Protein backbone atom coordinates (compact mmCIF):
# COMPACT_ATOMS: atom_id res chain seq x y z
CA MET A 1 25.70 112.17 -116.36
CA THR A 2 26.02 109.01 -118.45
CA LEU A 3 24.93 105.51 -117.50
CA ALA A 4 28.61 104.44 -117.42
CA LYS A 5 29.33 107.02 -114.70
CA TYR A 6 26.52 105.60 -112.58
CA GLN A 7 28.19 102.20 -112.78
CA ASP A 8 31.46 103.69 -111.48
CA MET A 9 29.71 104.82 -108.30
CA ASN A 10 29.12 102.45 -105.42
CA LEU A 11 25.48 102.11 -104.39
CA ASP A 12 25.72 104.59 -101.50
CA GLU A 13 27.34 107.21 -103.76
CA LEU A 14 24.63 106.67 -106.37
CA ARG A 15 21.94 107.02 -103.69
CA HIS A 16 23.46 110.31 -102.56
CA TYR A 17 23.60 111.51 -106.18
CA VAL A 18 19.93 110.60 -106.72
CA LEU A 19 18.90 112.44 -103.56
CA THR A 20 20.77 115.59 -104.60
CA HIS A 21 19.76 115.41 -108.31
CA ARG A 22 16.10 114.46 -108.15
CA GLU A 23 15.51 115.62 -111.71
CA ASP A 24 17.88 112.94 -113.09
CA THR A 25 15.44 110.11 -113.77
CA GLU A 26 18.09 107.94 -115.48
CA ALA A 27 20.11 107.98 -112.25
CA PHE A 28 17.00 107.10 -110.25
CA TYR A 29 16.21 104.07 -112.42
CA ALA A 30 19.85 102.97 -112.36
CA TYR A 31 19.73 103.19 -108.54
CA VAL A 32 16.52 101.17 -108.31
CA ASP A 33 17.84 98.48 -110.65
CA ARG A 34 21.14 98.15 -108.78
CA SER A 35 19.42 98.20 -105.38
CA LYS A 36 17.15 95.35 -106.43
CA ALA A 37 20.07 93.42 -107.94
CA GLU A 38 22.07 93.74 -104.70
CA GLY A 39 19.09 92.73 -102.55
CA ARG A 40 18.79 96.11 -100.85
CA MET A 41 15.38 96.93 -102.25
CA ASN A 42 12.36 94.69 -102.35
CA THR A 43 8.89 95.40 -103.64
CA ILE A 44 6.16 93.68 -101.67
CA HIS A 45 2.53 94.35 -102.36
CA PRO A 46 0.09 93.50 -99.53
CA ASN A 47 -2.46 92.16 -102.07
CA ASP A 48 0.07 89.67 -103.45
CA GLU A 49 -0.87 86.07 -102.53
CA ASN A 50 2.79 85.21 -101.92
CA TRP A 51 3.64 88.26 -99.80
CA GLU A 52 4.66 86.13 -96.80
CA GLU A 53 7.31 84.20 -98.74
CA LYS A 54 8.67 87.46 -100.14
CA VAL A 55 8.86 88.97 -96.66
CA ILE A 56 10.66 85.91 -95.28
CA GLU A 57 13.24 86.19 -98.06
CA ALA A 58 13.58 89.96 -97.57
CA ILE A 59 14.22 89.71 -93.84
CA LYS A 60 16.97 87.10 -93.97
CA TYR A 61 20.19 88.47 -92.60
CA SER A 62 22.94 89.67 -94.89
CA GLN A 63 26.61 89.18 -94.08
CA ASN A 64 26.80 92.64 -92.48
CA SER A 65 24.73 92.22 -89.31
CA ILE A 66 25.32 92.87 -85.64
CA ARG A 67 23.58 91.50 -82.56
CA TRP A 68 23.17 93.23 -79.24
CA TYR A 69 21.90 91.27 -76.26
CA CYS A 70 20.63 94.49 -74.64
CA ASN A 71 23.08 94.16 -71.78
CA ASN A 72 24.26 97.43 -70.32
CA THR A 73 27.83 96.19 -70.19
CA LYS A 74 31.12 97.25 -71.70
CA LYS A 75 31.19 94.08 -73.82
CA TYR A 76 28.19 95.25 -75.86
CA GLN A 77 28.95 98.99 -75.85
CA GLU A 78 29.86 99.21 -79.55
CA GLN A 79 26.80 97.24 -80.69
CA ALA A 80 24.56 99.34 -78.43
CA GLN A 81 25.98 102.55 -79.87
CA ARG A 82 25.58 101.51 -83.52
CA ILE A 83 22.03 100.26 -83.04
CA THR A 84 21.06 103.34 -81.01
CA GLU A 85 22.45 105.64 -83.72
CA TRP A 86 20.57 103.72 -86.44
CA TRP A 87 17.32 103.85 -84.45
CA ASN A 88 17.68 107.56 -83.64
CA ASN A 89 18.32 108.33 -87.32
CA LEU A 90 14.84 107.03 -88.18
CA ASP A 91 13.31 110.30 -87.00
CA SER A 92 10.71 111.44 -89.58
CA LYS A 93 11.50 108.50 -91.88
CA LYS A 94 9.18 105.95 -93.43
CA VAL A 95 9.58 102.37 -92.30
CA ARG A 96 7.77 99.13 -92.92
CA LYS A 97 6.94 97.31 -89.69
CA TYR A 98 6.44 93.54 -89.51
CA TYR A 99 5.16 91.74 -86.46
CA ILE A 100 5.97 88.07 -85.96
CA ASP A 101 4.03 86.43 -83.17
CA ASN A 102 5.51 82.98 -83.51
CA ILE A 103 8.78 81.68 -84.92
CA LYS A 104 10.15 78.29 -85.88
CA ILE A 105 13.74 77.44 -85.04
CA THR A 106 15.37 76.05 -88.18
CA GLY A 107 18.78 75.05 -86.87
CA ILE A 108 21.75 76.69 -85.22
CA ALA A 109 20.94 80.43 -85.03
CA GLY A 110 18.31 79.94 -87.72
CA TRP A 111 14.64 80.88 -87.58
CA LYS A 112 11.73 81.71 -89.81
CA PRO A 113 8.36 83.32 -89.17
CA ASP A 114 5.51 80.98 -88.30
CA GLN A 115 2.83 83.65 -88.00
CA LEU A 116 3.54 86.93 -89.76
CA SER A 117 1.32 89.99 -89.83
CA GLN A 118 0.96 92.02 -93.00
CA PRO A 119 3.50 94.84 -93.17
CA VAL A 120 2.43 98.28 -92.01
CA GLU A 121 4.03 101.44 -93.35
CA LEU A 122 4.52 104.25 -90.87
CA ILE A 123 6.60 107.32 -90.12
CA ILE A 124 8.79 107.05 -87.02
CA ASN A 125 8.97 110.25 -84.96
CA GLU A 126 11.14 111.01 -81.94
CA PRO A 127 12.79 107.59 -81.67
CA SER A 128 14.68 106.95 -78.46
CA VAL A 129 16.41 104.13 -76.62
CA ASP A 130 16.37 103.53 -72.87
CA ILE A 131 19.04 101.02 -71.90
CA CYS A 132 18.32 99.12 -68.70
CA GLN A 133 20.42 96.42 -67.04
CA PHE A 134 19.09 93.42 -69.03
CA THR A 135 16.52 94.88 -71.43
CA THR A 136 16.19 97.89 -73.69
CA LEU A 137 13.15 100.00 -74.35
CA LEU A 138 12.67 101.30 -77.89
CA LYS A 139 10.27 104.24 -78.04
CA TYR A 140 8.79 106.30 -80.86
CA ARG A 141 5.75 108.36 -81.78
CA ASP A 142 3.60 107.11 -84.63
CA GLN A 143 1.59 109.16 -87.16
CA ASP A 144 -1.21 109.59 -84.60
CA ASN A 145 1.34 111.08 -82.16
CA THR A 146 0.86 108.06 -79.89
CA ILE A 147 3.94 106.91 -77.97
CA GLN A 148 4.82 103.30 -78.81
CA GLN A 149 7.21 101.19 -76.71
CA ILE A 150 8.83 97.84 -77.30
CA GLU A 151 10.85 96.11 -74.59
CA ALA A 152 13.66 94.05 -76.09
CA VAL A 153 16.03 91.38 -74.82
CA ALA A 154 18.07 91.35 -78.05
CA ILE A 155 18.29 93.51 -81.16
CA ASP A 156 19.82 92.62 -84.51
CA LEU A 157 20.72 95.24 -87.10
CA ASP A 158 21.19 94.14 -90.69
CA ILE A 159 23.19 97.07 -91.98
CA ASP A 160 23.07 96.09 -95.67
CA LYS A 161 19.31 95.58 -95.82
CA GLN A 162 18.53 98.27 -93.23
CA ASN A 163 16.36 95.94 -91.13
CA LEU A 164 16.17 96.08 -87.34
CA PHE A 165 15.01 92.89 -85.61
CA VAL A 166 13.69 93.50 -82.11
CA TRP A 167 13.45 90.33 -80.01
CA THR A 168 10.88 91.26 -77.39
CA THR A 169 10.55 90.11 -73.81
CA LYS A 170 7.47 88.17 -74.92
CA SER A 171 8.63 84.71 -75.95
CA ALA A 172 8.84 84.03 -79.70
CA THR A 173 7.83 87.56 -80.71
CA VAL A 174 9.92 89.62 -83.12
CA VAL A 175 9.19 93.10 -84.44
CA ILE A 176 11.02 94.08 -87.61
CA PHE A 177 11.54 97.65 -88.76
CA SER A 178 12.66 97.96 -92.37
CA LEU A 179 13.82 101.39 -93.52
CA GLN A 180 12.11 102.36 -96.77
CA ARG A 181 14.64 103.78 -99.20
CA VAL A 182 14.19 106.11 -102.11
């Protein structure tokens, strides 16, 4: 396939092509370049002195985001379904997990991390969602086969960047799961 044909594909089509034609290195590099240009792929090295600024930029919402206030009501049924499907599709996938223990409010619906832990890469296994009346419990098994649980009051899904923001029941704590792409 020629470089011009890669440009005719949208990014999701190119990703699918790369996954089904792993021997095509030109397609892979075209995908990486376009993903970075569109803000869907970020390289962050934990030894980088400026890793926190890069993470803050990477986790900003895109225009294609949804919020679910974890209410078990008809009003939030569609958001709950989309977020649950996204979470359940993480089974056996690599994610980068960020933990923010303190946030600063920066205006109307704006925030930025005040204290940010270094990202941790892990494989999510057996993800599940338990929807309660006013909270939601996200569960998964980590690499050590330990069950992890996070109780959330709100969850944001940034579909373009493939980031899930879990607003926990603990005040000013956010856990971010970022799907690692090819």
